Amino acid sequence: MDDERQRIVRVAGARRAKLTRVEGTSSEPHVKTERSAPADGDRGPNDERMLREVPPHY
């Protein structure tokens, strides 16, 4: 069971430690999927107003 856990490895001169790789995982980042607006027929009653408004911090 201890073989399946990640280990913390200190790196000299680095601020952060590294973790060892676990079998069955990938070190590649997740790809963010592009979100698209729904088709015109799938809009709700407030969608037009929500798309026009801009939050005050913009």
N, C-alpha and C. Protein backbone atom coordinates (compact mmCIF):
# COMPACT_ATOMS: atom_id res chain seq x y z
N MET A 1 0.82 -1.19 0.00
CA MET A 1 0.00 0.00 0.00
C MET A 1 0.87 1.25 0.00
N ASP A 2 1.98 1.24 0.68
CA ASP A 2 2.84 2.41 0.73
C ASP A 2 3.44 2.72 -0.64
N ASP A 3 3.53 1.73 -1.52
CA ASP A 3 4.10 1.96 -2.85
C ASP A 3 3.18 2.81 -3.72
N GLU A 4 1.89 2.86 -3.43
CA GLU A 4 0.93 3.59 -4.25
C GLU A 4 0.87 5.08 -3.90
N ARG A 5 1.41 5.46 -2.78
CA ARG A 5 1.33 6.86 -2.33
C ARG A 5 2.42 7.71 -2.95
N GLN A 6 2.14 8.99 -3.08
CA GLN A 6 3.16 9.92 -3.55
C GLN A 6 4.13 10.22 -2.43
N ARG A 7 5.35 10.45 -2.80
CA ARG A 7 6.38 10.83 -1.84
C ARG A 7 6.76 12.28 -2.06
N ILE A 8 7.13 12.97 -1.00
CA ILE A 8 7.59 14.34 -1.09
C ILE A 8 9.10 14.31 -1.20
N VAL A 9 9.62 14.98 -2.23
CA VAL A 9 11.06 15.02 -2.47
C VAL A 9 11.51 16.46 -2.34
N ARG A 10 12.45 16.71 -1.44
CA ARG A 10 12.98 18.06 -1.29
C ARG A 10 13.99 18.34 -2.40
N VAL A 11 13.91 19.55 -2.93
CA VAL A 11 14.83 19.96 -3.99
C VAL A 11 15.70 21.08 -3.43
N ALA A 12 17.01 20.86 -3.44
CA ALA A 12 17.92 21.85 -2.88
C ALA A 12 17.85 23.15 -3.68
N GLY A 13 17.72 24.27 -2.98
CA GLY A 13 17.68 25.58 -3.62
C GLY A 13 16.32 25.95 -4.18
N ALA A 14 15.33 25.09 -4.07
CA ALA A 14 14.00 25.38 -4.60
C ALA A 14 13.07 25.75 -3.45
N ARG A 15 12.08 26.55 -3.76
CA ARG A 15 11.11 26.94 -2.74
C ARG A 15 10.09 25.84 -2.47
N ARG A 16 9.82 25.05 -3.48
CA ARG A 16 8.79 24.03 -3.34
C ARG A 16 9.36 22.63 -3.50
N ALA A 17 8.73 21.71 -2.85
CA ALA A 17 9.13 20.31 -2.98
C ALA A 17 8.43 19.71 -4.20
N LYS A 18 8.90 18.56 -4.63
CA LYS A 18 8.27 17.85 -5.74
C LYS A 18 7.60 16.60 -5.21
N LEU A 19 6.58 16.17 -5.91
CA LEU A 19 5.91 14.92 -5.58
C LEU A 19 6.30 13.87 -6.60
N THR A 20 6.46 12.66 -6.14
CA THR A 20 6.79 11.58 -7.06
C THR A 20 5.54 11.21 -7.86
N ARG A 21 5.77 10.61 -9.00
CA ARG A 21 4.68 10.22 -9.90
C ARG A 21 3.96 9.00 -9.34
N VAL A 22 2.65 8.96 -9.53
CA VAL A 22 1.85 7.82 -9.11
C VAL A 22 1.45 7.06 -10.37
N GLU A 23 1.50 5.77 -10.31
CA GLU A 23 1.15 4.93 -11.46
C GLU A 23 -0.28 5.21 -11.90
N GLY A 24 -0.45 5.40 -13.21
CA GLY A 24 -1.79 5.65 -13.75
C GLY A 24 -2.16 7.11 -13.85
N THR A 25 -1.23 8.02 -13.52
CA THR A 25 -1.51 9.45 -13.63
C THR A 25 -0.64 10.08 -14.70
N SER A 26 -1.00 11.30 -15.09
CA SER A 26 -0.26 12.02 -16.10
C SER A 26 0.16 13.37 -15.55
N SER A 27 1.32 13.85 -15.93
CA SER A 27 1.78 15.16 -15.46
C SER A 27 1.35 16.29 -16.39
N GLU A 28 0.68 15.94 -17.48
CA GLU A 28 0.23 16.95 -18.43
C GLU A 28 -0.99 17.68 -17.86
N PRO A 29 -1.07 19.00 -18.07
CA PRO A 29 -2.23 19.74 -17.55
C PRO A 29 -3.50 19.37 -18.30
N HIS A 30 -4.63 19.58 -17.65
CA HIS A 30 -5.92 19.33 -18.29
C HIS A 30 -6.17 20.38 -19.36
N VAL A 31 -6.78 19.97 -20.44
CA VAL A 31 -7.10 20.88 -21.52
C VAL A 31 -8.46 21.51 -21.23
N LYS A 32 -8.49 22.82 -21.24
CA LYS A 32 -9.73 23.53 -20.97
C LYS A 32 -10.60 23.47 -22.22
N THR A 33 -11.82 23.02 -22.05
CA THR A 33 -12.72 22.90 -23.20
C THR A 33 -13.35 24.25 -23.49
N GLU A 34 -13.51 24.55 -24.75
CA GLU A 34 -14.11 25.81 -25.18
C GLU A 34 -15.62 25.74 -24.99
N ARG A 35 -16.17 26.73 -24.31
CA ARG A 35 -17.61 26.79 -24.10
C ARG A 35 -18.22 27.67 -25.16
N SER A 36 -19.33 27.25 -25.69
CA SER A 36 -20.00 28.05 -26.71
C SER A 36 -21.40 28.42 -26.24
N ALA A 37 -21.92 29.48 -26.81
CA ALA A 37 -23.27 29.94 -26.46
C ALA A 37 -24.29 28.97 -27.05
N PRO A 38 -25.42 28.79 -26.40
CA PRO A 38 -26.45 27.90 -26.94
C PRO A 38 -27.06 28.45 -28.22
N ALA A 39 -27.71 27.60 -28.97
CA ALA A 39 -28.40 28.03 -30.20
C ALA A 39 -29.49 29.03 -29.84
N ASP A 40 -29.93 29.82 -30.81
CA ASP A 40 -30.92 30.87 -30.55
C ASP A 40 -32.20 30.34 -29.92
N GLY A 41 -32.61 29.14 -30.29
CA GLY A 41 -33.85 28.59 -29.76
C GLY A 41 -33.71 28.09 -28.33
N ASP A 42 -32.49 27.94 -27.81
CA ASP A 42 -32.27 27.39 -26.48
C ASP A 42 -32.07 28.46 -25.41
N ARG A 43 -32.36 29.71 -25.72
CA ARG A 43 -32.12 30.79 -24.77
C ARG A 43 -33.31 30.95 -23.82
N GLY A 44 -32.98 31.40 -22.63
CA GLY A 44 -34.00 31.65 -21.63
C GLY A 44 -34.45 33.10 -21.66
N PRO A 45 -35.38 33.47 -20.78
CA PRO A 45 -35.95 34.82 -20.80
C PRO A 45 -34.94 35.91 -20.39
N ASN A 46 -33.90 35.61 -19.61
CA ASN A 46 -32.96 36.62 -19.13
C ASN A 46 -31.62 36.59 -19.86
N ASP A 47 -31.44 35.70 -20.82
CA ASP A 47 -30.14 35.54 -21.46
C ASP A 47 -29.67 36.80 -22.18
N GLU A 48 -30.54 37.49 -22.87
CA GLU A 48 -30.15 38.68 -23.62
C GLU A 48 -29.64 39.77 -22.67
N ARG A 49 -30.34 39.97 -21.56
CA ARG A 49 -29.93 40.97 -20.59
C ARG A 49 -28.60 40.59 -19.93
N MET A 50 -28.44 39.32 -19.62
CA MET A 50 -27.20 38.85 -18.98
C MET A 50 -26.00 39.02 -19.90
N LEU A 51 -26.17 38.82 -21.19
CA LEU A 51 -25.07 38.97 -22.13
C LEU A 51 -24.71 40.44 -22.37
N ARG A 52 -25.65 41.36 -22.21
CA ARG A 52 -25.39 42.78 -22.40
C ARG A 52 -24.70 43.40 -21.19
N GLU A 53 -25.05 42.94 -20.00
CA GLU A 53 -24.52 43.55 -18.78
C GLU A 53 -23.06 43.19 -18.58
N VAL A 54 -22.31 44.14 -18.02
CA VAL A 54 -20.90 43.92 -17.71
C VAL A 54 -20.72 44.16 -16.23
N PRO A 55 -20.04 43.28 -15.52
CA PRO A 55 -19.82 43.49 -14.09
C PRO A 55 -19.06 44.79 -13.84
N PRO A 56 -19.24 45.42 -12.68
CA PRO A 56 -18.62 46.72 -12.41
C PRO A 56 -17.09 46.68 -12.36
N HIS A 57 -16.49 45.53 -12.15
CA HIS A 57 -15.02 45.48 -12.07
C HIS A 57 -14.36 45.41 -13.44
N TYR A 58 -15.11 45.44 -14.53
CA TYR A 58 -14.52 45.42 -15.88
C TYR A 58 -14.28 46.79 -16.37
